N, C-alpha and C. Protein backbone atom coordinates (compact mmCIF):
# COMPACT_ATOMS: atom_id res chain seq x y z
N MET A 1 63.44 150.98 24.97
CA MET A 1 64.71 151.55 25.36
C MET A 1 64.90 151.29 26.86
N VAL A 2 66.04 150.76 27.19
CA VAL A 2 66.34 150.51 28.61
C VAL A 2 66.96 151.76 29.22
N SER A 3 67.00 151.79 30.54
CA SER A 3 67.47 153.00 31.22
C SER A 3 68.91 153.36 30.87
N SER A 4 69.77 152.35 30.65
CA SER A 4 71.16 152.67 30.31
C SER A 4 71.25 153.33 28.92
N ASP A 5 70.40 152.90 27.99
CA ASP A 5 70.36 153.53 26.67
C ASP A 5 69.89 154.98 26.80
N TYR A 6 68.89 155.18 27.62
CA TYR A 6 68.35 156.51 27.84
C TYR A 6 69.42 157.42 28.46
N THR A 7 70.15 156.90 29.42
CA THR A 7 71.21 157.67 30.09
C THR A 7 72.31 158.04 29.10
N ARG A 8 72.73 157.08 28.28
CA ARG A 8 73.76 157.34 27.26
C ARG A 8 73.29 158.41 26.28
N ASP A 9 72.02 158.33 25.90
CA ASP A 9 71.46 159.31 24.97
C ASP A 9 71.49 160.71 25.60
N LEU A 10 71.12 160.81 26.86
CA LEU A 10 71.16 162.10 27.54
C LEU A 10 72.57 162.65 27.63
N ILE A 11 73.54 161.79 27.92
CA ILE A 11 74.94 162.21 28.00
C ILE A 11 75.41 162.69 26.63
N ARG A 12 75.08 161.95 25.59
CA ARG A 12 75.49 162.32 24.23
C ARG A 12 74.88 163.67 23.84
N LYS A 13 73.62 163.86 24.13
CA LYS A 13 72.97 165.13 23.81
C LYS A 13 73.59 166.28 24.60
N GLY A 14 73.93 166.02 25.86
CA GLY A 14 74.59 167.03 26.67
C GLY A 14 75.95 167.40 26.12
N GLN A 15 76.69 166.42 25.65
CA GLN A 15 78.01 166.68 25.08
C GLN A 15 77.89 167.50 23.79
N LEU A 16 76.91 167.16 22.95
CA LEU A 16 76.71 167.92 21.71
C LEU A 16 76.34 169.36 22.02
N ARG A 17 75.49 169.55 23.02
CA ARG A 17 75.09 170.91 23.40
C ARG A 17 76.31 171.69 23.90
N ASN A 18 77.14 171.05 24.70
CA ASN A 18 78.34 171.71 25.21
C ASN A 18 79.29 172.11 24.08
N GLN A 19 79.41 171.25 23.05
CA GLN A 19 80.25 171.57 21.91
C GLN A 19 79.71 172.80 21.17
N LYS A 20 78.39 172.87 21.03
CA LYS A 20 77.78 174.01 20.35
C LYS A 20 77.99 175.29 21.16
N VAL A 21 77.85 175.20 22.47
CA VAL A 21 78.05 176.37 23.33
C VAL A 21 79.51 176.83 23.24
N GLN A 22 80.45 175.89 23.24
CA GLN A 22 81.86 176.25 23.13
C GLN A 22 82.16 176.91 21.80
N ALA A 23 81.58 176.40 20.72
CA ALA A 23 81.80 176.99 19.39
C ALA A 23 81.23 178.41 19.35
N MET A 24 80.06 178.61 19.93
CA MET A 24 79.46 179.94 19.96
C MET A 24 80.31 180.89 20.79
N GLN A 25 80.80 180.43 21.95
CA GLN A 25 81.64 181.27 22.79
C GLN A 25 82.92 181.64 22.08
N GLN A 26 83.49 180.70 21.33
CA GLN A 26 84.72 180.98 20.58
C GLN A 26 84.45 182.05 19.53
N ALA A 27 83.32 181.95 18.83
CA ALA A 27 82.98 182.95 17.81
C ALA A 27 82.78 184.32 18.46
N ILE A 28 82.15 184.36 19.61
CA ILE A 28 81.95 185.62 20.33
C ILE A 28 83.30 186.21 20.73
N ASP A 29 84.17 185.38 21.30
CA ASP A 29 85.49 185.84 21.72
C ASP A 29 86.29 186.39 20.54
N GLU A 30 86.23 185.71 19.40
CA GLU A 30 86.94 186.17 18.21
C GLU A 30 86.39 187.51 17.74
N GLY A 31 85.07 187.64 17.80
CA GLY A 31 84.47 188.91 17.40
C GLY A 31 84.88 190.05 18.32
N LEU A 32 84.91 189.79 19.61
CA LEU A 32 85.27 190.83 20.57
C LEU A 32 86.74 191.24 20.45
N SER A 33 87.58 190.29 20.06
CA SER A 33 89.01 190.61 19.95
C SER A 33 89.39 191.04 18.54
N GLY A 34 88.42 191.24 17.69
CA GLY A 34 88.67 191.56 16.28
C GLY A 34 89.05 193.00 16.00
N GLY A 35 89.12 193.82 16.99
CA GLY A 35 89.52 195.20 16.77
C GLY A 35 88.32 196.13 16.69
N THR A 36 88.60 197.33 16.23
CA THR A 36 87.58 198.36 16.13
C THR A 36 86.60 198.02 15.01
N PRO A 37 85.31 198.08 15.29
CA PRO A 37 84.34 197.78 14.24
C PRO A 37 84.35 198.84 13.15
N LYS A 38 84.06 198.42 11.94
CA LYS A 38 83.97 199.33 10.80
C LYS A 38 82.51 199.68 10.58
N PRO A 39 82.23 200.89 10.11
CA PRO A 39 80.84 201.25 9.83
C PRO A 39 80.25 200.33 8.76
N PHE A 40 78.98 200.04 8.89
CA PHE A 40 78.30 199.16 7.94
C PHE A 40 77.37 200.00 7.07
N ASN A 41 77.57 199.92 5.77
CA ASN A 41 76.73 200.64 4.82
C ASN A 41 75.74 199.64 4.22
N SER A 42 74.52 199.66 4.72
CA SER A 42 73.53 198.67 4.28
C SER A 42 73.19 198.82 2.81
N GLN A 43 73.17 200.04 2.30
CA GLN A 43 72.84 200.25 0.88
C GLN A 43 73.92 199.66 -0.01
N ALA A 44 75.18 199.89 0.33
CA ALA A 44 76.28 199.32 -0.45
C ALA A 44 76.26 197.80 -0.38
N PHE A 45 75.94 197.26 0.78
CA PHE A 45 75.84 195.81 0.93
C PHE A 45 74.75 195.25 0.04
N LYS A 46 73.60 195.92 0.02
CA LYS A 46 72.48 195.48 -0.82
C LYS A 46 72.87 195.47 -2.29
N VAL A 47 73.56 196.51 -2.73
CA VAL A 47 74.00 196.58 -4.12
C VAL A 47 74.95 195.43 -4.44
N ARG A 48 75.91 195.17 -3.53
CA ARG A 48 76.86 194.06 -3.76
C ARG A 48 76.14 192.72 -3.85
N MET A 49 75.16 192.51 -2.99
CA MET A 49 74.44 191.24 -3.00
C MET A 49 73.59 191.09 -4.27
N GLU A 50 72.99 192.18 -4.71
CA GLU A 50 72.21 192.12 -5.96
C GLU A 50 73.11 191.80 -7.14
N GLU A 51 74.31 192.38 -7.17
CA GLU A 51 75.26 192.08 -8.24
C GLU A 51 75.71 190.62 -8.15
N HIS A 52 75.93 190.15 -6.95
CA HIS A 52 76.34 188.76 -6.76
C HIS A 52 75.26 187.81 -7.28
N ILE A 53 74.02 188.11 -6.98
CA ILE A 53 72.91 187.26 -7.42
C ILE A 53 72.79 187.27 -8.94
N LYS A 54 72.99 188.44 -9.54
CA LYS A 54 72.90 188.54 -11.01
C LYS A 54 73.93 187.66 -11.70
N HIS A 55 75.12 187.58 -11.09
CA HIS A 55 76.22 186.85 -11.73
C HIS A 55 76.36 185.42 -11.23
N ALA A 56 75.55 185.01 -10.31
CA ALA A 56 75.64 183.65 -9.79
C ALA A 56 75.06 182.68 -10.81
N GLU A 57 75.63 181.49 -10.82
CA GLU A 57 75.11 180.46 -11.72
C GLU A 57 73.78 179.95 -11.18
N PRO A 58 72.85 179.67 -12.09
CA PRO A 58 71.57 179.12 -11.61
C PRO A 58 71.77 177.76 -10.95
N GLN A 59 71.03 177.53 -9.90
CA GLN A 59 71.13 176.25 -9.20
C GLN A 59 70.37 175.19 -9.97
N SER A 60 70.98 174.02 -10.10
CA SER A 60 70.29 172.92 -10.79
C SER A 60 69.35 172.24 -9.81
N ARG A 61 68.23 171.82 -10.31
CA ARG A 61 67.21 171.16 -9.47
C ARG A 61 67.03 169.74 -9.90
């Protein structure tokens, strides 16, 4: 690998990292502007997920 290839690779990786940081910041901003949080009932969530799993189609392998 020549130095110009290495430099391009570093720039590309930096750009990808910046895109990921921007996406994360956008998700954080959306969450913060989403209004008043609702209480989370972990037991009800667990029941819903167990029901979802029972009715889900088996994955083919």
